[in-house]
């Protein structure tokens, strides 16, 4: 893997990062994604003090991810059956449970990026008061909200199976890790 360290015009540094790869099994309630593992890019971004969220949004846009928003992560289990999602932390830190119950737990910090495949549950367990992320989706994908409630499946499973792979990694571009780890 040869991810180039580069400095963006806005002053962010994109560091070489081999992602943590976390396959997550169907829990019976949260489907997760059997074909695409969760990817965690620890310390992938060194963000400028001025406008770190805008810098992430610019990076996502350059790499064909859009629909960006700024906020936190909901404190309840949810997933998207119609889109993959990238979450890049630009403020504080949070403990996040991924994959539903029992799932796995990670603490994310400024500069970390979660690449969450369609169907993968996520929930904030706790976080600092200044915790904030930029979220985004591959261009052309619209998200929905699923909560693991009875009746969501099998429609959610059918949706997940139809979600196309992203054309580009949200951080590293067209030759980034997502193109290596997510395959049909």
Protein backbone atom coordinates (compact mmCIF):
# COMPACT_ATOMS: atom_id res chain seq x y z
CA UNK A 1 0.00 0.00 0.00
CA UNK A 2 1.41 3.28 -1.06
CA UNK A 3 -0.80 6.12 0.18
CA UNK A 4 1.01 9.35 -0.40
CA UNK A 5 1.35 11.85 2.42
CA UNK A 6 0.26 15.18 1.06
CA UNK A 7 -0.63 18.65 2.25
CA UNK A 8 -3.90 20.13 1.06
CA UNK A 9 -4.22 23.78 0.09
CA UNK A 10 -6.23 24.41 3.26
CA UNK A 11 -3.35 23.16 5.41
CA UNK A 12 -4.49 19.66 6.33
CA UNK A 13 -1.96 16.86 6.21
CA UNK A 14 -3.16 13.50 4.92
CA UNK A 15 -0.96 10.84 6.48
CA UNK A 16 -0.23 7.37 5.24
CA UNK A 17 -2.53 5.07 7.13
CA UNK A 18 -3.17 1.36 6.93
CA UNK A 19 -6.75 1.03 8.17
CA UNK A 20 -7.94 -1.20 10.93
CA UNK A 21 -10.18 -3.69 9.15
CA UNK A 22 -13.13 -4.91 11.20
CA UNK A 23 -15.52 -7.46 9.67
CA UNK A 24 -18.85 -7.43 11.52
CA UNK A 25 -21.35 -10.30 11.48
CA UNK A 26 -25.11 -9.99 11.19
CA UNK A 27 -26.51 -9.76 14.73
CA UNK A 28 -30.03 -10.76 13.71
CA UNK A 29 -31.09 -7.17 14.46
CA UNK A 30 -28.35 -5.14 12.76
CA UNK A 31 -27.40 -6.69 9.39
CA UNK A 32 -23.90 -5.17 9.10
CA UNK A 33 -22.24 -5.92 5.76
CA UNK A 34 -20.82 -9.35 4.95
CA UNK A 35 -18.94 -8.10 1.86
CA UNK A 36 -17.49 -4.82 3.12
CA UNK A 37 -15.72 -4.58 6.49
CA UNK A 38 -15.71 -1.47 8.65
CA UNK A 39 -12.52 0.54 8.01
CA UNK A 40 -10.97 2.75 10.70
CA UNK A 41 -8.28 5.22 9.64
CA UNK A 42 -6.54 6.21 12.86
CA UNK A 43 -4.76 9.56 12.69
CA UNK A 44 -5.22 9.85 8.92
CA UNK A 45 -5.74 13.62 9.07
CA UNK A 46 -3.81 16.42 10.72
CA UNK A 47 -6.29 19.27 10.51
CA UNK A 48 -5.69 23.01 10.54
CA UNK A 49 -6.92 24.97 13.57
CA UNK A 50 -8.91 27.26 11.27
CA UNK A 51 -11.97 25.61 9.68
CA UNK A 52 -11.14 21.91 10.17
CA UNK A 53 -14.68 20.83 9.21
CA UNK A 54 -14.55 22.81 5.97
CA UNK A 55 -11.22 21.19 5.17
CA UNK A 56 -12.75 17.71 5.56
CA UNK A 57 -15.73 18.71 3.42
CA UNK A 58 -13.35 19.92 0.70
CA UNK A 59 -11.41 16.64 0.85
CA UNK A 60 -14.60 14.57 0.63
CA UNK A 61 -15.78 16.63 -2.37
CA UNK A 62 -12.46 16.16 -4.20
CA UNK A 63 -12.78 12.42 -3.65
CA UNK A 64 -16.38 12.13 -4.93
CA UNK A 65 -18.14 12.03 -1.55
CA UNK A 66 -20.92 14.51 -0.91
CA UNK A 67 -24.06 15.15 1.12
CA UNK A 68 -21.81 16.34 3.94
CA UNK A 69 -23.06 17.47 7.32
CA UNK A 70 -21.52 18.51 10.66
CA UNK A 71 -22.70 17.13 13.99
CA UNK A 72 -22.08 14.20 16.34
CA UNK A 73 -23.15 10.56 16.20
CA UNK A 74 -26.59 9.52 17.46
CA UNK A 75 -26.58 7.88 20.90
CA UNK A 76 -28.66 4.93 19.69
CA UNK A 77 -28.04 2.06 17.28
CA UNK A 78 -28.83 2.90 13.69
CA UNK A 79 -27.64 2.06 10.19
CA UNK A 80 -28.17 3.10 6.60
CA UNK A 81 -29.38 0.48 4.11
CA UNK A 82 -29.08 2.71 1.02
CA UNK A 83 -25.64 4.32 1.41
CA UNK A 84 -22.14 3.90 2.76
CA UNK A 85 -21.00 6.61 5.21
CA UNK A 86 -17.70 8.28 6.11
CA UNK A 87 -17.32 10.00 9.49
CA UNK A 88 -14.24 12.19 10.06
CA UNK A 89 -13.65 13.52 13.58
CA UNK A 90 -12.67 17.21 13.79
CA UNK A 91 -13.45 17.94 17.45
CA UNK A 92 -12.98 16.12 20.75
CA UNK A 93 -13.31 12.37 21.07
CA UNK A 94 -16.00 9.73 21.54
CA UNK A 95 -16.44 6.10 22.37
CA UNK A 96 -18.43 4.52 19.55
CA UNK A 97 -20.04 1.09 19.36
CA UNK A 98 -20.02 -0.38 15.88
CA UNK A 99 -21.96 -3.36 14.58
CA UNK A 100 -24.83 -3.29 17.08
CA UNK A 101 -24.98 -5.46 20.20
CA UNK A 102 -22.51 -6.86 21.17
CA UNK A 103 -20.44 -5.14 18.46
CA UNK A 104 -17.03 -3.61 18.91
CA UNK A 105 -16.10 -0.39 20.66
CA UNK A 106 -13.51 2.17 19.54
CA UNK A 107 -12.56 5.57 20.83
CA UNK A 108 -12.18 8.03 17.98
CA UNK A 109 -10.18 11.25 18.13
CA UNK A 110 -9.55 14.28 15.97
CA UNK A 111 -8.08 13.12 12.66
CA UNK A 112 -9.64 9.65 12.76
CA UNK A 113 -12.00 8.54 9.98
CA UNK A 114 -14.58 5.76 10.08
CA UNK A 115 -15.64 4.25 6.78
CA UNK A 116 -18.96 2.56 7.53
CA UNK A 117 -20.41 0.24 4.88
CA UNK A 118 -24.16 0.17 4.24
CA UNK A 119 -25.94 -1.91 6.87
CA UNK A 120 -23.34 -1.39 9.59
CA UNK A 121 -24.70 -0.26 12.94
CA UNK A 122 -23.14 2.66 14.79
CA UNK A 123 -23.87 4.45 18.05
CA UNK A 124 -22.08 6.97 20.28
CA UNK A 125 -21.70 5.59 23.81
CA UNK A 126 -20.04 8.67 25.29
CA UNK A 127 -18.04 11.65 24.15
CA UNK A 128 -16.40 14.90 25.09
CA UNK A 129 -18.56 18.03 24.98
CA UNK A 130 -16.68 19.27 21.92
CA UNK A 131 -17.01 15.99 19.96
CA UNK A 132 -17.86 16.65 16.31
CA UNK A 133 -17.64 14.84 12.99
CA UNK A 134 -18.18 15.60 9.33
CA UNK A 135 -20.27 12.90 7.70
CA UNK A 136 -20.64 12.19 4.00
CA UNK A 137 -21.74 9.63 1.44
CA UNK A 138 -20.47 8.53 -1.98
CA UNK A 139 -21.89 10.86 -4.61
CA UNK A 140 -25.15 9.51 -5.97
CA UNK A 141 -26.08 7.66 -2.76
CA UNK A 142 -28.94 8.87 -0.55
CA UNK A 143 -29.09 7.66 3.04
CA UNK A 144 -32.03 6.30 4.96
CA UNK A 145 -32.42 5.54 8.67
CA UNK A 146 -32.87 2.05 10.05
CA UNK A 147 -32.87 1.14 13.72
CA UNK A 148 -32.92 -2.65 13.88
CA UNK A 149 -36.68 -2.69 14.44
CA UNK A 150 -38.89 -5.63 13.51
CA UNK A 151 -40.16 -5.31 9.96
CA UNK A 152 -37.11 -3.48 8.54
CA UNK A 153 -35.78 -6.65 7.04
CA UNK A 154 -35.74 -8.22 4.44
CA UNK A 155 -36.18 -4.86 2.62
CA UNK A 156 -33.06 -3.43 4.32
CA UNK A 157 -31.06 -6.53 3.25
CA UNK A 158 -32.22 -6.07 -0.35
CA UNK A 159 -31.23 -2.39 -0.25
CA UNK A 160 -27.78 -3.18 1.16
CA UNK A 161 -27.13 -5.72 -1.60
CA UNK A 162 -27.88 -3.04 -4.23
CA UNK A 163 -25.65 -0.27 -2.83
CA UNK A 164 -22.78 0.22 -5.29
CA UNK A 165 -19.19 0.40 -4.12
CA UNK A 166 -17.81 3.94 -3.93
CA UNK A 167 -15.74 5.05 -6.91
CA UNK A 168 -13.16 6.60 -4.60
CA UNK A 169 -11.88 6.53 -1.03
CA UNK A 170 -13.08 9.65 0.86
CA UNK A 171 -9.56 10.43 2.15
CA UNK A 172 -7.07 8.88 -0.27
CA UNK A 173 -8.95 9.11 -3.55
CA UNK A 174 -9.35 6.58 -6.35
CA UNK A 175 -6.45 4.35 -5.27
CA UNK A 176 -7.22 4.41 -1.52
CA UNK A 177 -7.88 1.53 0.88
CA UNK A 178 -11.60 1.25 0.19
CA UNK A 179 -10.81 0.03 -3.31
CA UNK A 180 -8.67 -2.75 -1.81
CA UNK A 181 -10.87 -3.87 1.07
CA UNK A 182 -14.36 -3.45 -0.38
CA UNK A 183 -15.02 -5.77 -3.30
CA UNK A 184 -18.09 -7.49 -4.66
